[in-house]
Protein backbone atom coordinates (compact mmCIF):
# COMPACT_ATOMS: atom_id res chain seq x y z
CA UNK A 1 -1.88 -60.11 -232.88
CA UNK A 2 0.03 -58.42 -235.59
CA UNK A 3 2.90 -56.43 -234.04
CA UNK A 4 3.66 -54.67 -237.29
CA UNK A 5 0.24 -52.99 -237.18
CA UNK A 6 0.45 -52.15 -233.48
CA UNK A 7 4.01 -50.69 -233.42
CA UNK A 8 3.29 -47.76 -235.85
CA UNK A 9 0.10 -46.94 -233.94
CA UNK A 10 1.95 -47.13 -230.65
CA UNK A 11 4.82 -44.97 -231.98
CA UNK A 12 2.32 -42.44 -233.37
CA UNK A 13 0.50 -42.27 -230.07
CA UNK A 14 3.74 -41.83 -228.10
CA UNK A 15 5.08 -39.21 -230.53
CA UNK A 16 1.78 -37.30 -230.55
CA UNK A 17 1.53 -37.47 -226.77
CA UNK A 18 5.11 -36.22 -226.39
CA UNK A 19 4.54 -33.30 -228.78
CA UNK A 20 1.27 -32.43 -227.03
CA UNK A 21 3.03 -32.53 -223.67
CA UNK A 22 5.80 -30.18 -224.89
CA UNK A 23 3.32 -27.69 -226.39
CA UNK A 24 1.01 -27.80 -223.38
CA UNK A 25 3.91 -27.43 -220.96
CA UNK A 26 5.21 -24.38 -222.85
CA UNK A 27 1.74 -22.87 -223.06
CA UNK A 28 1.06 -23.43 -219.36
CA UNK A 29 4.38 -21.80 -218.40
CA UNK A 30 3.49 -18.74 -220.47
CA UNK A 31 0.05 -18.60 -218.91
CA UNK A 32 1.43 -18.98 -215.36
CA UNK A 33 4.03 -16.24 -215.96
CA UNK A 34 1.28 -13.99 -217.29
CA UNK A 35 -0.95 -14.78 -214.30
CA UNK A 36 1.87 -14.07 -211.85
CA UNK A 37 2.65 -10.77 -213.60
CA UNK A 38 -1.03 -9.77 -213.48
CA UNK A 39 -1.28 -10.70 -209.79
CA UNK A 40 1.84 -8.62 -209.03
CA UNK A 41 0.39 -5.63 -210.90
CA UNK A 42 -2.94 -6.03 -209.12
CA UNK A 43 -1.17 -6.28 -205.75
CA UNK A 44 0.91 -3.17 -206.52
CA UNK A 45 -2.24 -1.30 -207.60
CA UNK A 46 -4.06 -2.30 -204.41
CA UNK A 47 -1.11 -1.27 -202.24
CA UNK A 48 -0.82 2.08 -204.02
CA UNK A 49 -4.57 2.61 -203.72
CA UNK A 50 -4.47 1.81 -200.02
CA UNK A 51 -1.55 4.18 -199.46
CA UNK A 52 -3.32 6.85 -201.53
CA UNK A 53 -6.46 6.54 -199.40
CA UNK A 54 -4.42 6.78 -196.19
CA UNK A 55 -2.63 9.88 -197.48
CA UNK A 56 -5.96 11.49 -198.36
CA UNK A 57 -7.19 10.82 -194.81
CA UNK A 58 -4.03 12.43 -193.44
CA UNK A 59 -4.43 15.40 -195.79
CA UNK A 60 -7.99 15.86 -194.58
CA UNK A 61 -6.79 15.74 -190.97
CA UNK A 62 -3.99 18.23 -191.60
CA UNK A 63 -6.33 20.65 -193.34
CA UNK A 64 -8.88 20.42 -190.52
CA UNK A 65 -6.21 21.05 -187.90
CA UNK A 66 -4.82 23.96 -189.92
CA UNK A 67 -8.29 25.55 -190.09
CA UNK A 68 -8.65 25.10 -186.36
CA UNK A 69 -5.24 26.66 -185.70
CA UNK A 70 -6.21 29.62 -187.90
CA UNK A 71 -9.42 29.93 -185.86
CA UNK A 72 -7.44 29.81 -182.61
CA UNK A 73 -5.00 32.48 -183.82
CA UNK A 74 -7.90 34.76 -184.77
CA UNK A 75 -9.65 34.17 -181.44
CA UNK A 76 -6.46 34.76 -179.47
CA UNK A 77 -5.77 37.98 -181.40
CA UNK A 78 -9.32 39.16 -180.79
CA UNK A 79 -9.06 38.49 -177.08
CA UNK A 80 -5.63 40.13 -176.97
CA UNK A 81 -7.26 43.29 -178.37
CA UNK A 82 -9.81 43.09 -175.54
CA UNK A 83 -6.98 42.73 -173.01
CA UNK A 84 -5.22 45.75 -174.53
CA UNK A 85 -8.20 47.98 -173.74
CA UNK A 86 -7.84 50.43 -170.88
CA UNK A 87 -10.04 48.51 -168.43
CA UNK A 88 -7.77 45.42 -168.62
CA UNK A 89 -4.41 47.03 -169.35
CA UNK A 90 -3.24 46.75 -165.73
CA UNK A 91 -4.16 43.07 -165.37
CA UNK A 92 -1.70 40.31 -166.23
CA UNK A 93 -4.36 37.61 -166.01
CA UNK A 94 -8.10 37.59 -166.52
CA UNK A 95 -10.51 35.17 -164.91
CA UNK A 96 -12.97 34.37 -167.67
CA UNK A 97 -15.63 33.31 -165.14
CA UNK A 98 -16.02 36.97 -164.17
CA UNK A 99 -17.15 37.91 -167.66
CA UNK A 100 -20.40 36.59 -169.09
CA UNK A 101 -19.90 37.68 -172.65
CA UNK A 102 -16.14 37.41 -172.96
CA UNK A 103 -14.62 34.13 -173.95
CA UNK A 104 -11.39 33.17 -175.60
CA UNK A 105 -13.31 30.59 -177.65
CA UNK A 106 -10.23 28.49 -178.35
CA UNK A 107 -10.91 25.10 -179.85
CA UNK A 108 -9.15 21.75 -179.84
CA UNK A 109 -11.94 19.56 -181.23
CA UNK A 110 -10.27 18.85 -184.59
CA UNK A 111 -7.03 18.00 -182.83
CA UNK A 112 -8.87 15.57 -180.58
CA UNK A 113 -10.64 14.08 -183.59
CA UNK A 114 -7.65 13.74 -185.93
CA UNK A 115 -4.42 13.58 -183.91
CA UNK A 116 -4.43 9.76 -183.87
CA UNK A 117 -4.42 9.79 -187.70
CA UNK A 118 -1.14 11.69 -187.62
CA UNK A 119 0.45 9.81 -184.74
CA UNK A 120 -0.43 6.28 -185.94
CA UNK A 121 1.02 6.82 -189.40
CA UNK A 122 4.68 7.61 -189.00
CA UNK A 123 5.23 9.89 -191.98
CA UNK A 124 8.00 11.91 -190.37
CA UNK A 125 5.63 14.88 -189.98
CA UNK A 126 7.25 15.99 -186.71
CA UNK A 127 4.11 17.19 -184.98
CA UNK A 128 5.64 17.83 -181.53
CA UNK A 129 5.22 21.60 -181.82
CA UNK A 130 1.59 21.15 -182.82
CA UNK A 131 1.02 18.87 -179.82
CA UNK A 132 2.58 21.47 -177.52
CA UNK A 133 0.37 24.18 -179.03
CA UNK A 134 -2.73 22.11 -178.29
CA UNK A 135 -1.56 21.37 -174.75
CA UNK A 136 -1.45 25.12 -174.18
CA UNK A 137 -4.89 25.52 -175.76
CA UNK A 138 -6.27 22.78 -173.47
CA UNK A 139 -4.77 24.50 -170.45
CA UNK A 140 -6.49 27.77 -171.33
CA UNK A 141 -9.81 26.13 -172.19
CA UNK A 142 -9.92 24.07 -168.99
CA UNK A 143 -8.76 26.74 -166.53
CA UNK A 144 -10.81 29.71 -167.75
CA UNK A 145 -7.93 31.97 -166.72
CA UNK A 146 -5.86 33.61 -169.38
CA UNK A 147 -2.70 35.64 -169.10
CA UNK A 148 -1.41 38.16 -171.59
CA UNK A 149 1.90 36.30 -171.78
CA UNK A 150 0.30 32.92 -172.50
CA UNK A 151 -2.01 34.50 -175.06
CA UNK A 152 0.96 35.95 -176.90
CA UNK A 153 2.68 32.56 -176.72
CA UNK A 154 -0.41 30.86 -178.18
CA UNK A 155 -0.43 33.32 -181.08
CA UNK A 156 3.30 32.87 -181.69
CA UNK A 157 3.11 29.06 -181.49
CA UNK A 158 0.02 29.04 -183.69
CA UNK A 159 1.83 30.91 -186.45
CA UNK A 160 4.76 28.46 -186.24
CA UNK A 161 2.38 25.49 -186.31
CA UNK A 162 0.54 26.89 -189.31
CA UNK A 163 3.85 27.17 -191.22
CA UNK A 164 4.78 23.62 -190.24
CA UNK A 165 1.35 22.38 -191.32
CA UNK A 166 1.72 24.16 -194.67
CA UNK A 167 4.99 22.28 -195.26
CA UNK A 168 3.42 18.97 -194.21
CA UNK A 169 0.37 19.56 -196.42
CA UNK A 170 2.62 20.25 -199.43
CA UNK A 171 4.66 17.11 -198.64
CA UNK A 172 1.50 14.97 -198.51
CA UNK A 173 0.09 16.56 -201.69
CA UNK A 174 3.33 15.71 -203.53
CA UNK A 175 3.15 12.09 -202.34
CA UNK A 176 -0.50 11.89 -203.42
CA UNK A 177 0.39 13.29 -206.86
CA UNK A 178 3.18 10.73 -207.33
CA UNK A 179 0.91 7.86 -206.28
CA UNK A 180 -1.89 9.01 -208.58
CA UNK A 181 0.60 9.11 -211.47
CA UNK A 182 1.75 5.57 -210.64
CA UNK A 183 -1.80 4.25 -210.49
CA UNK A 184 -2.78 5.68 -213.88
């Protein structure tokens, strides 16, 4: 064996291997950093998309409840006009079972359907007044007896709830707009 022929080959192999290792190591670090950055962006996008979808569900729920509250205010006002007629003016309460064609027609179906969407997601919406409004609606619907005083209270609470819902809807729309801008 001729060591003088082997040593340059061995040195060349070691030098080439070392240079390849340095270049590969640097390239792999760049690639890993890029991959991590892309994964972080993808994760952020997915989180924003998930939050956006949840906010859209909440917006849908708020709008449905607002429509129902508007319906209830209209129905209560209509029935109040009936109670203001001469034949009922003396009565403080009316038993709805006595009247075949008269009904308050108050509804709480959207509240039943969507209230969990608002309660589960703590967005600081402060829906206590809305819950109280619907408790009063449920009382009237279940008892079939309505009083002038409670009817006026339902109308008053309904107007307050509608204003609160308008504020909450605007708040959610702003959050949706900000998220959509971030996602773009």
